Amino acid sequence: APAIILGQALGRCANLLNGDAFGAPTGGSFGIIYPVT
């Protein structure tokens, strides 16, 4: 079980790099702005 959740944690790093699992707009000047691709 601990190994599974570790794999999930690292997998979210992949999502960040790919920009395919993202949050909603913050409505302010803070937050992540993703590349155009």
PDB file of all heavy atoms in Angstrom:
ATOM      1  N   ALA A   1       0.810  -1.228   0.000  1.00  0.00           N
ATOM      2  CA  ALA A   1       0.000   0.000   0.000  1.00  0.00           C
ATOM      3  C   ALA A   1       0.843   1.279   0.000  1.00  0.00           C
ATOM      4  O   ALA A   1       0.565   2.204  -0.780  1.00  0.00           O
ATOM      5  CB  ALA A   1      -0.964  -0.008   1.187  1.00  0.00           C
ATOM      6  N   PRO A   2       1.889   1.392   0.845  1.00  0.00           N
ATOM      7  CA  PRO A   2       2.699   2.617   0.794  1.00  0.00           C
ATOM      8  C   PRO A   2       3.364   2.824  -0.566  1.00  0.00           C
ATOM      9  O   PRO A   2       3.511   3.972  -1.020  1.00  0.00           O
ATOM     10  CB  PRO A   2       3.749   2.390   1.894  1.00  0.00           C
ATOM     11  CG  PRO A   2       3.120   1.416   2.824  1.00  0.00           C
ATOM     12  CD  PRO A   2       2.323   0.507   1.948  1.00  0.00           C
ATOM     13  N   ALA A   3       3.765   1.743  -1.209  1.00  0.00           N
ATOM     14  CA  ALA A   3       4.404   1.850  -2.526  1.00  0.00           C
ATOM     15  C   ALA A   3       3.414   2.357  -3.573  1.00  0.00           C
ATOM     16  O   ALA A   3       3.787   3.118  -4.474  1.00  0.00           O
ATOM     17  CB  ALA A   3       4.982   0.503  -2.943  1.00  0.00           C
ATOM     18  N   ILE A   4       2.159   1.939  -3.467  1.00  0.00           N
ATOM     19  CA  ILE A   4       1.147   2.381  -4.429  1.00  0.00           C
ATOM     20  C   ILE A   4       0.954   3.886  -4.355  1.00  0.00           C
ATOM     21  O   ILE A   4       0.958   4.586  -5.375  1.00  0.00           O
ATOM     22  CB  ILE A   4      -0.197   1.660  -4.186  1.00  0.00           C
ATOM     23  CG1 ILE A   4      -0.050   0.155  -4.371  1.00  0.00           C
ATOM     24  CG2 ILE A   4      -1.261   2.198  -5.146  1.00  0.00           C
ATOM     25  CD1 ILE A   4      -1.302  -0.633  -4.007  1.00  0.00           C
ATOM     26  N   ILE A   5       0.789   4.417  -3.142  1.00  0.00           N
ATOM     27  CA  ILE A   5       0.555   5.855  -3.016  1.00  0.00           C
ATOM     28  C   ILE A   5       1.807   6.646  -3.384  1.00  0.00           C
ATOM     29  O   ILE A   5       1.716   7.767  -3.900  1.00  0.00           O
ATOM     30  CB  ILE A   5       0.074   6.207  -1.590  1.00  0.00           C
ATOM     31  CG1 ILE A   5      -0.495   7.629  -1.554  1.00  0.00           C
ATOM     32  CG2 ILE A   5       1.191   6.057  -0.572  1.00  0.00           C
ATOM     33  CD1 ILE A   5      -1.752   7.814  -2.370  1.00  0.00           C
ATOM     34  N   LEU A   6       2.995   6.077  -3.185  1.00  0.00           N
ATOM     35  CA  LEU A   6       4.218   6.740  -3.626  1.00  0.00           C
ATOM     36  C   LEU A   6       4.223   6.860  -5.142  1.00  0.00           C
ATOM     37  O   LEU A   6       4.587   7.912  -5.696  1.00  0.00           O
ATOM     38  CB  LEU A   6       5.444   5.966  -3.148  1.00  0.00           C
ATOM     39  CG  LEU A   6       6.796   6.517  -3.620  1.00  0.00           C
ATOM     40  CD1 LEU A   6       7.057   7.896  -3.020  1.00  0.00           C
ATOM     41  CD2 LEU A   6       7.929   5.564  -3.255  1.00  0.00           C
ATOM     42  N   GLY A   7       3.828   5.793  -5.824  1.00  0.00           N
ATOM     43  CA  GLY A   7       3.739   5.837  -7.281  1.00  0.00           C
ATOM     44  C   GLY A   7       2.747   6.886  -7.755  1.00  0.00           C
ATOM     45  O   GLY A   7       2.988   7.598  -8.736  1.00  0.00           O
ATOM     46  N   GLN A   8       1.628   7.016  -7.046  1.00  0.00           N
ATOM     47  CA  GLN A   8       0.648   8.040  -7.394  1.00  0.00           C
ATOM     48  C   GLN A   8       1.221   9.444  -7.214  1.00  0.00           C
ATOM     49  O   GLN A   8       0.978  10.336  -8.041  1.00  0.00           O
ATOM     50  CB  GLN A   8      -0.601   7.888  -6.530  1.00  0.00           C
ATOM     51  CG  GLN A   8      -1.422   6.653  -6.833  1.00  0.00           C
ATOM     52  CD  GLN A   8      -2.610   6.505  -5.897  1.00  0.00           C
ATOM     53  OE1 GLN A   8      -2.864   5.449  -5.337  1.00  0.00           O
ATOM     54  NE2 GLN A   8      -3.366   7.573  -5.718  1.00  0.00           N
ATOM     55  N   ALA A   9       1.965   9.644  -6.136  1.00  0.00           N
ATOM     56  CA  ALA A   9       2.563  10.960  -5.879  1.00  0.00           C
ATOM     57  C   ALA A   9       3.512  11.355  -7.005  1.00  0.00           C
ATOM     58  O   ALA A   9       3.479  12.485  -7.499  1.00  0.00           O
ATOM     59  CB  ALA A   9       3.302  10.938  -4.541  1.00  0.00           C
ATOM     60  N   LEU A  10       4.358  10.427  -7.414  1.00  0.00           N
ATOM     61  CA  LEU A  10       5.295  10.709  -8.507  1.00  0.00           C
ATOM     62  C   LEU A  10       4.558  10.879  -9.829  1.00  0.00           C
ATOM     63  O   LEU A  10       4.964  11.677 -10.677  1.00  0.00           O
ATOM     64  CB  LEU A  10       6.318   9.575  -8.606  1.00  0.00           C
ATOM     65  CG  LEU A  10       7.233   9.417  -7.384  1.00  0.00           C
ATOM     66  CD1 LEU A  10       8.055   8.134  -7.500  1.00  0.00           C
ATOM     67  CD2 LEU A  10       8.144  10.616  -7.237  1.00  0.00           C
ATOM     68  N   GLY A  11       3.466  10.145  -9.986  1.00  0.00           N
ATOM     69  CA  GLY A  11       2.667  10.279 -11.203  1.00  0.00           C
ATOM     70  C   GLY A  11       2.079  11.662 -11.356  1.00  0.00           C
ATOM     71  O   GLY A  11       1.932  12.170 -12.475  1.00  0.00           O
ATOM     72  N   ARG A  12       1.743  12.309 -10.240  1.00  0.00           N
ATOM     73  CA  ARG A  12       1.222  13.671 -10.314  1.00  0.00           C
ATOM     74  C   ARG A  12       2.289  14.652 -10.811  1.00  0.00           C
ATOM     75  O   ARG A  12       1.957  15.692 -11.401  1.00  0.00           O
ATOM     76  CB  ARG A  12       0.691  14.109  -8.954  1.00  0.00           C
ATOM     77  CG  ARG A  12      -0.687  13.542  -8.624  1.00  0.00           C
ATOM     78  CD  ARG A  12      -1.654  13.792  -9.731  1.00  0.00           C
ATOM     79  NE  ARG A  12      -3.008  13.344  -9.439  1.00  0.00           N
ATOM     80  CZ  ARG A  12      -3.932  13.135 -10.355  1.00  0.00           C
ATOM     81  NH1 ARG A  12      -3.647  13.317 -11.637  1.00  0.00           N
ATOM     82  NH2 ARG A  12      -5.141  12.733 -10.030  1.00  0.00           N
ATOM     83  N   CYS A  13       3.550  14.339 -10.575  1.00  0.00           N
ATOM     84  CA  CYS A  13       4.628  15.161 -11.146  1.00  0.00           C
ATOM     85  C   CYS A  13       4.573  15.088 -12.670  1.00  0.00           C
ATOM     86  O   CYS A  13       4.813  16.094 -13.361  1.00  0.00           O
ATOM     87  CB  CYS A  13       5.985  14.680 -10.640  1.00  0.00           C
ATOM     88  SG  CYS A  13       6.222  14.811  -8.861  1.00  0.00           S
ATOM     89  N   ALA A  14       4.259  13.912 -13.189  1.00  0.00           N
ATOM     90  CA  ALA A  14       4.128  13.747 -14.642  1.00  0.00           C
ATOM     91  C   ALA A  14       2.975  14.584 -15.173  1.00  0.00           C
ATOM     92  O   ALA A  14       3.078  15.209 -16.241  1.00  0.00           O
ATOM     93  CB  ALA A  14       3.923  12.268 -14.978  1.00  0.00           C
ATOM     94  N   ASN A  15       1.857  14.608 -14.430  1.00  0.00           N
ATOM     95  CA  ASN A  15       0.714  15.422 -14.847  1.00  0.00           C
ATOM     96  C   ASN A  15       1.068  16.903 -14.896  1.00  0.00           C
ATOM     97  O   ASN A  15       0.648  17.628 -15.805  1.00  0.00           O
ATOM     98  CB  ASN A  15      -0.463  15.224 -13.891  1.00  0.00           C
ATOM     99  CG  ASN A  15      -1.066  13.839 -13.970  1.00  0.00           C
ATOM    100  OD1 ASN A  15      -1.314  13.216 -12.941  1.00  0.00           O
ATOM    101  ND2 ASN A  15      -1.292  13.340 -15.166  1.00  0.00           N
ATOM    102  N   LEU A  16       1.830  17.353 -13.919  1.00  0.00           N
ATOM    103  CA  LEU A  16       2.249  18.757 -13.892  1.00  0.00           C
ATOM    104  C   LEU A  16       3.092  19.083 -15.123  1.00  0.00           C
ATOM    105  O   LEU A  16       2.881  20.111 -15.784  1.00  0.00           O
ATOM    106  CB  LEU A  16       3.039  19.049 -12.624  1.00  0.00           C
ATOM    107  CG  LEU A  16       3.686  20.436 -12.535  1.00  0.00           C
ATOM    108  CD1 LEU A  16       2.623  21.519 -12.516  1.00  0.00           C
ATOM    109  CD2 LEU A  16       4.583  20.545 -11.310  1.00  0.00           C
ATOM    110  N   LEU A  17       4.039  18.229 -15.437  1.00  0.00           N
ATOM    111  CA  LEU A  17       4.917  18.471 -16.583  1.00  0.00           C
ATOM    112  C   LEU A  17       4.148  18.454 -17.901  1.00  0.00           C
ATOM    113  O   LEU A  17       4.525  19.132 -18.855  1.00  0.00           O
ATOM    114  CB  LEU A  17       6.028  17.428 -16.610  1.00  0.00           C
ATOM    115  CG  LEU A  17       7.052  17.519 -15.470  1.00  0.00           C
ATOM    116  CD1 LEU A  17       7.959  16.295 -15.466  1.00  0.00           C
ATOM    117  CD2 LEU A  17       7.881  18.786 -15.605  1.00  0.00           C
ATOM    118  N   ASN A  18       3.071  17.662 -17.935  1.00  0.00           N
ATOM    119  CA  ASN A  18       2.296  17.550 -19.172  1.00  0.00           C
ATOM    120  C   ASN A  18       1.157  18.555 -19.234  1.00  0.00           C
ATOM    121  O   ASN A  18       0.587  18.792 -20.301  1.00  0.00           O
ATOM    122  CB  ASN A  18       1.726  16.130 -19.301  1.00  0.00           C
ATOM    123  CG  ASN A  18       1.447  15.744 -20.728  1.00  0.00           C
ATOM    124  OD1 ASN A  18       2.238  16.024 -21.633  1.00  0.00           O
ATOM    125  ND2 ASN A  18       0.316  15.095 -20.958  1.00  0.00           N
ATOM    126  N   GLY A  19       0.804  19.149 -18.092  1.00  0.00           N
ATOM    127  CA  GLY A  19      -0.273  20.132 -18.075  1.00  0.00           C
ATOM    128  C   GLY A  19      -1.619  19.553 -18.420  1.00  0.00           C
ATOM    129  O   GLY A  19      -2.450  20.214 -19.063  1.00  0.00           O
ATOM    130  N   ASP A  20      -1.889  18.307 -17.978  1.00  0.00           N
ATOM    131  CA  ASP A  20      -3.135  17.647 -18.376  1.00  0.00           C
ATOM    132  C   ASP A  20      -4.072  17.348 -17.208  1.00  0.00           C
ATOM    133  O   ASP A  20      -5.151  16.808 -17.404  1.00  0.00           O
ATOM    134  CB  ASP A  20      -2.827  16.359 -19.138  1.00  0.00           C
ATOM    135  CG  ASP A  20      -2.098  15.327 -18.287  1.00  0.00           C
ATOM    136  OD1 ASP A  20      -1.842  15.603 -17.110  1.00  0.00           O
ATOM    137  OD2 ASP A  20      -1.784  14.244 -18.805  1.00  0.00           O
ATOM    138  N   ALA A  21      -3.665  17.665 -15.984  1.00  0.00           N
ATOM    139  CA  ALA A  21      -4.546  17.527 -14.818  1.00  0.00           C
ATOM    140  C   ALA A  21      -4.356  18.797 -14.014  1.00  0.00           C
ATOM    141  O   ALA A  21      -3.388  18.933 -13.278  1.00  0.00           O
ATOM    142  CB  ALA A  21      -4.184  16.289 -14.002  1.00  0.00           C
ATOM    143  N   PHE A  22      -5.273  19.727 -14.160  1.00  0.00           N
ATOM    144  CA  PHE A  22      -5.010  21.083 -13.703  1.00  0.00           C
ATOM    145  C   PHE A  22      -6.174  21.635 -12.901  1.00  0.00           C
ATOM    146  O   PHE A  22      -7.278  21.078 -12.890  1.00  0.00           O
ATOM    147  CB  PHE A  22      -4.730  21.995 -14.898  1.00  0.00           C
ATOM    148  CG  PHE A  22      -5.686  21.783 -16.046  1.00  0.00           C
ATOM    149  CD1 PHE A  22      -6.877  22.487 -16.111  1.00  0.00           C
ATOM    150  CD2 PHE A  22      -5.391  20.875 -17.052  1.00  0.00           C
ATOM    151  CE1 PHE A  22      -7.759  22.292 -17.156  1.00  0.00           C
ATOM    152  CE2 PHE A  22      -6.271  20.677 -18.104  1.00  0.00           C
ATOM    153  CZ  PHE A  22      -7.456  21.380 -18.159  1.00  0.00           C
ATOM    154  N   GLY A  23      -5.900  22.730 -12.220  1.00  0.00           N
ATOM    155  CA  GLY A  23      -6.910  23.360 -11.394  1.00  0.00           C
ATOM    156  C   GLY A  23      -7.746  24.374 -12.160  1.00  0.00           C
ATOM    157  O   GLY A  23      -7.497  24.667 -13.327  1.00  0.00           O
ATOM    158  N   ALA A  24      -8.746  24.889 -11.465  1.00  0.00           N
ATOM    159  CA  ALA A  24      -9.580  25.945 -12.027  1.00  0.00           C
ATOM    160  C   ALA A  24      -8.877  27.288 -11.866  1.00  0.00           C
ATOM    161  O   ALA A  24      -7.917  27.412 -11.099  1.00  0.00           O
ATOM    162  CB  ALA A  24     -10.926  25.954 -11.311  1.00  0.00           C
ATOM    163  N   PRO A  25      -9.320  28.316 -12.568  1.00  0.00           N
ATOM    164  CA  PRO A  25      -8.722  29.646 -12.403  1.00  0.00           C
ATOM    165  C   PRO A  25      -8.837  30.143 -10.969  1.00  0.00           C
ATOM    166  O   PRO A  25      -9.870  29.971 -10.313  1.00  0.00           O
ATOM    167  CB  PRO A  25      -9.550  30.513 -13.354  1.00  0.00           C
ATOM    168  CG  PRO A  25     -10.059  29.562 -14.391  1.00  0.00           C
ATOM    169  CD  PRO A  25     -10.313  28.284 -13.662  1.00  0.00           C
ATOM    170  N   THR A  26      -7.774  30.761 -10.468  1.00  0.00           N
ATOM    171  CA  THR A  26      -7.761  31.262  -9.096  1.00  0.00           C
ATOM    172  C   THR A  26      -8.546  32.558  -8.956  1.00  0.00           C
ATOM    173  O   THR A  26      -8.940  32.931  -7.851  1.00  0.00           O
ATOM    174  CB  THR A  26      -6.318  31.494  -8.622  1.00  0.00           C
ATOM    175  OG1 THR A  26      -5.719  32.501  -9.448  1.00  0.00           O
ATOM    176  CG2 THR A  26      -5.500  30.216  -8.706  1.00  0.00           C
ATOM    177  N   GLY A  27      -8.715  33.266 -10.060  1.00  0.00           N
ATOM    178  CA  GLY A  27      -9.407  34.546 -10.016  1.00  0.00           C
ATOM    179  C   GLY A  27      -8.512  35.683  -9.565  1.00  0.00           C
ATOM    180  O   GLY A  27      -8.976  36.810  -9.356  1.00  0.00           O
ATOM    181  N   GLY A  28      -7.212  35.397  -9.400  1.00  0.00           N
ATOM    182  CA  GLY A  28      -6.266  36.428  -8.990  1.00  0.00           C
ATOM    183  C   GLY A  28      -5.000  36.366  -9.810  1.00  0.00           C
ATOM    184  O   GLY A  28      -4.958  35.754 -10.882  1.00  0.00           O
ATOM    185  N   SER A  29      -3.950  36.990  -9.296  1.00  0.00           N
ATOM    186  CA  SER A  29      -2.680  37.015 -10.016  1.00  0.00           C
ATOM    187  C   SER A  29      -1.752  35.881  -9.602  1.00  0.00           C
ATOM    188  O   SER A  29      -0.633  35.786 -10.087  1.00  0.00           O
ATOM    189  CB  SER A  29      -1.970  38.352  -9.770  1.00  0.00           C
ATOM    190  OG  SER A  29      -1.745  38.536  -8.372  1.00  0.00           O
ATOM    191  N   PHE A  30      -2.203  35.005  -8.698  1.00  0.00           N
ATOM    192  CA  PHE A  30      -1.388  33.889  -8.229  1.00  0.00           C
ATOM    193  C   PHE A  30      -1.892  32.595  -8.873  1.00  0.00           C
ATOM    194  O   PHE A  30      -3.068  32.476  -9.231  1.00  0.00           O
ATOM    195  CB  PHE A  30      -1.470  33.783  -6.700  1.00  0.00           C
ATOM    196  CG  PHE A  30      -2.883  33.658  -6.186  1.00  0.00           C
ATOM    197  CD1 PHE A  30      -3.460  32.415  -5.975  1.00  0.00           C
ATOM    198  CD2 PHE A  30      -3.638  34.792  -5.909  1.00  0.00           C
ATOM    199  CE1 PHE A  30      -4.758  32.299  -5.513  1.00  0.00           C
ATOM    200  CE2 PHE A  30      -4.943  34.685  -5.447  1.00  0.00           C
ATOM    201  CZ  PHE A  30      -5.508  33.433  -5.251  1.00  0.00           C
ATOM    202  N   GLY A  31      -0.994  31.644  -9.001  1.00  0.00           N
ATOM    203  CA  GLY A  31      -1.356  30.359  -9.583  1.00  0.00           C
ATOM    204  C   GLY A  31      -0.372  29.959 -10.668  1.00  0.00           C
ATOM    205  O   GLY A  31       0.616  30.653 -10.939  1.00  0.00           O
ATOM    206  N   ILE A  32      -0.631  28.804 -11.309  1.00  0.00           N
ATOM    207  CA  ILE A  32       0.234  28.292 -12.363  1.00  0.00           C
ATOM    208  C   ILE A  32      -0.296  28.729 -13.722  1.00  0.00           C
ATOM    209  O   ILE A  32      -1.485  28.580 -14.011  1.00  0.00           O
ATOM    210  CB  ILE A  32       0.304  26.750 -12.316  1.00  0.00           C
ATOM    211  CG1 ILE A  32       0.889  26.286 -10.985  1.00  0.00           C
ATOM    212  CG2 ILE A  32       1.145  26.211 -13.468  1.00  0.00           C
ATOM    213  CD1 ILE A  32       0.938  24.778 -10.845  1.00  0.00           C
ATOM    214  N   ILE A  33       0.599  29.278 -14.551  1.00  0.00           N
ATOM    215  CA  ILE A  33       0.264  29.573 -15.943  1.00  0.00           C
ATOM    216  C   ILE A  33       1.001  28.559 -16.805  1.00  0.00           C
ATOM    217  O   ILE A  33       2.229  28.488 -16.786  1.00  0.00           O
ATOM    218  CB  ILE A  33       0.672  31.009 -16.325  1.00  0.00           C
ATOM    219  CG1 ILE A  33      -0.090  32.016 -15.457  1.00  0.00           C
ATOM    220  CG2 ILE A  33       0.392  31.262 -17.803  1.00  0.00           C
ATOM    221  CD1 ILE A  33       0.300  33.461 -15.720  1.00  0.00           C
ATOM    222  N   TYR A  34       0.262  27.761 -17.544  1.00  0.00           N
ATOM    223  CA  TYR A  34       0.845  26.648 -18.299  1.00  0.00           C
ATOM    224  C   TYR A  34       1.293  27.094 -19.689  1.00  0.00           C
ATOM    225  O   TYR A  34       0.776  28.078 -20.243  1.00  0.00           O
ATOM    226  CB  TYR A  34      -0.173  25.524 -18.435  1.00  0.00           C
ATOM    227  CG  TYR A  34      -0.461  24.808 -17.130  1.00  0.00           C
ATOM    228  CD1 TYR A  34      -1.399  25.310 -16.225  1.00  0.00           C
ATOM    229  CD2 TYR A  34       0.200  23.635 -16.792  1.00  0.00           C
ATOM    230  CE1 TYR A  34      -1.669  24.667 -15.027  1.00  0.00           C
ATOM    231  CE2 TYR A  34      -0.061  22.979 -15.597  1.00  0.00           C
ATOM    232  CZ  TYR A  34      -0.988  23.501 -14.728  1.00  0.00           C
ATOM    233  OH  TYR A  34      -1.257  22.864 -13.549  1.00  0.00           O
ATOM    234  N   PRO A  35       2.247  26.377 -20.273  1.00  0.00           N
ATOM    235  CA  PRO A  35       2.696  26.691 -21.635  1.00  0.00           C
ATOM    236  C   PRO A  35       1.569  26.525 -22.654  1.00  0.00           C
ATOM    237  O   PRO A  35       0.601  25.789 -22.419  1.00  0.00           O
ATOM    238  CB  PRO A  35       3.815  25.671 -21.881  1.00  0.00           C
ATOM    239  CG  PRO A  35       4.261  25.253 -20.523  1.00  0.00           C
ATOM    240  CD  PRO A  35       3.042  25.307 -19.656  1.00  0.00           C
ATOM    241  N   VAL A  36       1.722  27.165 -23.776  1.00  0.00           N
ATOM    242  CA  VAL A  36       0.662  27.185 -24.803  1.00  0.00           C
ATOM    243  C   VAL A  36       0.416  25.807 -25.411  1.00  0.00           C
ATOM    244  O   VAL A  36      -0.641  25.573 -26.009  1.00  0.00           O
ATOM    245  CB  VAL A  36       1.010  28.188 -25.926  1.00  0.00           C
ATOM    246  CG1 VAL A  36       1.036  29.600 -25.381  1.00  0.00           C
ATOM    247  CG2 VAL A  36       2.356  27.836 -26.574  1.00  0.00           C
ATOM    248  N   THR A  37       1.367  24.896 -25.277  1.00  0.00           N
ATOM    249  CA  THR A  37       1.218  23.564 -25.875  1.00  0.00           C
ATOM    250  C   THR A  37       0.416  22.601 -25.008  1.00  0.00           C
ATOM    251  O   THR A  37       0.149  21.476 -25.427  1.00  0.00           O
ATOM    252  CB  THR A  37       2.601  22.940 -26.133  1.00  0.00           C
ATOM    253  OG1 THR A  37       3.348  22.922 -24.914  1.00  0.00           O
ATOM    254  CG2 THR A  37       3.359  23.734 -27.183  1.00  0.00           C
TER     255      THR A  37
END
